[in-house]
Protein backbone atom coordinates (compact mmCIF):
# COMPACT_ATOMS: atom_id res chain seq x y z
CA VAL A 1 -171.96 -12.16 -24.98
CA GLY A 2 -170.33 -13.60 -21.83
CA HIS A 3 -167.09 -11.72 -22.40
CA GLU A 4 -168.96 -8.44 -22.78
CA ALA A 5 -170.81 -8.96 -19.49
CA VAL A 6 -167.53 -9.73 -17.72
CA ALA A 7 -165.92 -6.68 -19.29
CA ARG A 8 -168.83 -4.45 -18.18
CA GLU A 9 -168.62 -5.91 -14.66
CA VAL A 10 -164.85 -5.27 -14.52
CA LEU A 11 -165.37 -1.73 -15.83
CA ALA A 12 -168.16 -1.08 -13.28
CA ARG A 13 -165.96 -2.31 -10.38
CA GLU A 14 -163.06 -0.20 -11.59
CA GLN A 15 -165.32 2.85 -11.71
CA GLU A 16 -166.55 2.10 -8.17
CA ARG A 17 -162.94 1.82 -6.93
CA THR A 18 -162.02 5.09 -8.65
CA GLN A 19 -165.03 6.85 -7.15
CA ALA A 20 -164.27 5.41 -3.71
CA ALA A 21 -160.64 6.54 -3.99
CA ALA A 22 -161.80 10.02 -5.02
CA ARG A 23 -164.18 10.20 -2.03
CA GLU A 24 -161.41 9.01 0.29
CA ALA A 25 -159.02 11.63 -1.11
CA ALA A 26 -161.68 14.34 -0.65
CA LEU A 27 -162.22 13.22 2.96
CA ARG A 28 -158.47 13.23 3.60
CA ASN A 29 -158.22 16.75 2.19
CA ALA A 30 -161.14 17.90 4.33
CA LEU A 31 -159.49 16.37 7.40
CA LEU A 32 -156.22 18.15 6.59
CA GLU A 33 -158.09 21.43 6.24
CA VAL A 34 -159.74 20.88 9.63
CA GLN A 35 -156.38 20.06 11.21
CA ALA A 36 -154.83 23.18 9.66
CA THR A 37 -157.67 25.30 11.02
CA MET A 38 -157.20 23.76 14.46
CA LEU A 39 -153.50 24.63 14.36
CA GLU A 40 -154.35 28.20 13.38
CA VAL A 41 -156.78 28.43 16.29
CA GLN A 42 -154.15 27.05 18.68
CA ALA A 43 -151.56 29.52 17.40
CA THR A 44 -153.99 32.42 17.73
CA THR A 45 -154.96 31.31 21.23
CA ALA A 46 -151.30 31.09 22.25
CA GLU A 47 -150.64 34.53 20.77
CA MET A 48 -153.61 36.01 22.61
CA ALA A 49 -152.50 34.38 25.87
CA ALA A 50 -149.01 35.82 25.43
CA GLU A 51 -150.45 39.28 24.75
CA HIS A 52 -152.70 38.97 27.80
CA GLN A 53 -149.72 37.95 29.95
CA ALA A 54 -147.69 40.88 28.59
CA ASP A 55 -150.59 43.23 29.39
CA ARG A 56 -150.77 41.83 32.93
CA VAL A 57 -147.02 42.30 33.39
CA GLN A 58 -147.24 45.88 32.07
CA CYS A 59 -150.17 46.66 34.39
CA ARG A 60 -148.26 45.22 37.34
CA ARG A 61 -145.22 47.35 36.47
CA GLU A 62 -147.37 50.46 36.20
CA LEU A 63 -149.07 49.70 39.51
CA TRP A 64 -145.75 49.29 41.27
CA ALA A 65 -144.41 52.46 39.65
CA GLY A 66 -147.48 54.31 40.91
CA ALA A 67 -147.08 52.85 44.39
CA ARG A 68 -143.41 53.85 44.48
CA ALA A 69 -144.30 57.38 43.32
CA ALA A 70 -146.99 57.61 46.00
CA ALA A 71 -144.52 56.41 48.65
CA ARG A 72 -141.99 59.02 47.52
CA SER A 73 -144.70 61.68 47.68
CA VAL A 74 -145.58 60.69 51.25
CA VAL A 75 -141.91 60.90 52.25
CA VAL A 76 -141.60 64.36 50.66
CA LEU A 77 -144.80 65.53 52.35
CA GLN A 78 -143.58 64.23 55.70
CA ARG A 79 -140.28 66.05 55.22
CA LEU A 80 -142.24 69.22 54.52
CA GLY A 81 -144.10 68.76 57.78
CA TRP A 82 -147.30 67.24 56.49
CA GLY A 83 -148.27 64.02 58.16
CA PRO A 84 -150.77 62.10 60.20
CA GLY A 85 -152.18 63.90 63.15
CA ASN A 86 -155.48 65.53 62.29
CA GLY A 87 -157.35 62.75 64.07
CA ARG A 88 -159.16 61.60 60.94
CA GLY A 89 -156.39 59.56 59.39
CA GLY A 90 -155.64 62.19 56.76
CA LEU A 91 -152.84 64.68 56.38
CA ALA A 92 -152.64 67.54 58.83
CA LEU A 93 -151.27 70.95 57.94
CA PRO A 94 -148.37 71.72 60.26
CA LYS A 95 -148.82 74.69 62.58
CA GLU A 96 -145.58 76.17 61.36
CA PRO A 97 -143.95 75.36 58.04
CA GLN A 98 -140.80 73.32 58.50
CA ALA A 99 -137.77 73.45 56.24
CA PRO A 100 -136.86 70.21 54.50
């Protein structure tokens, strides 16, 4: 009877160790999944930041292109005789059209 009790005790401890190892493996897998998700979030955040920066650069380019176009328009208008002088800060129609 003593050997059977020892054998049951050994078997019970072995089962506990197996169950503990299974729980530990499950926790490790869960941790790996969380870490993988965190890496995905970081990658997505970096991608979104890069897109945002590219959008900002594009907007800046378009703004400067618009400013350059406006400056060219002012120069053309001045060459055509339009310019400041109406007393209100706007463009005044010249009294006589001038050739460019």
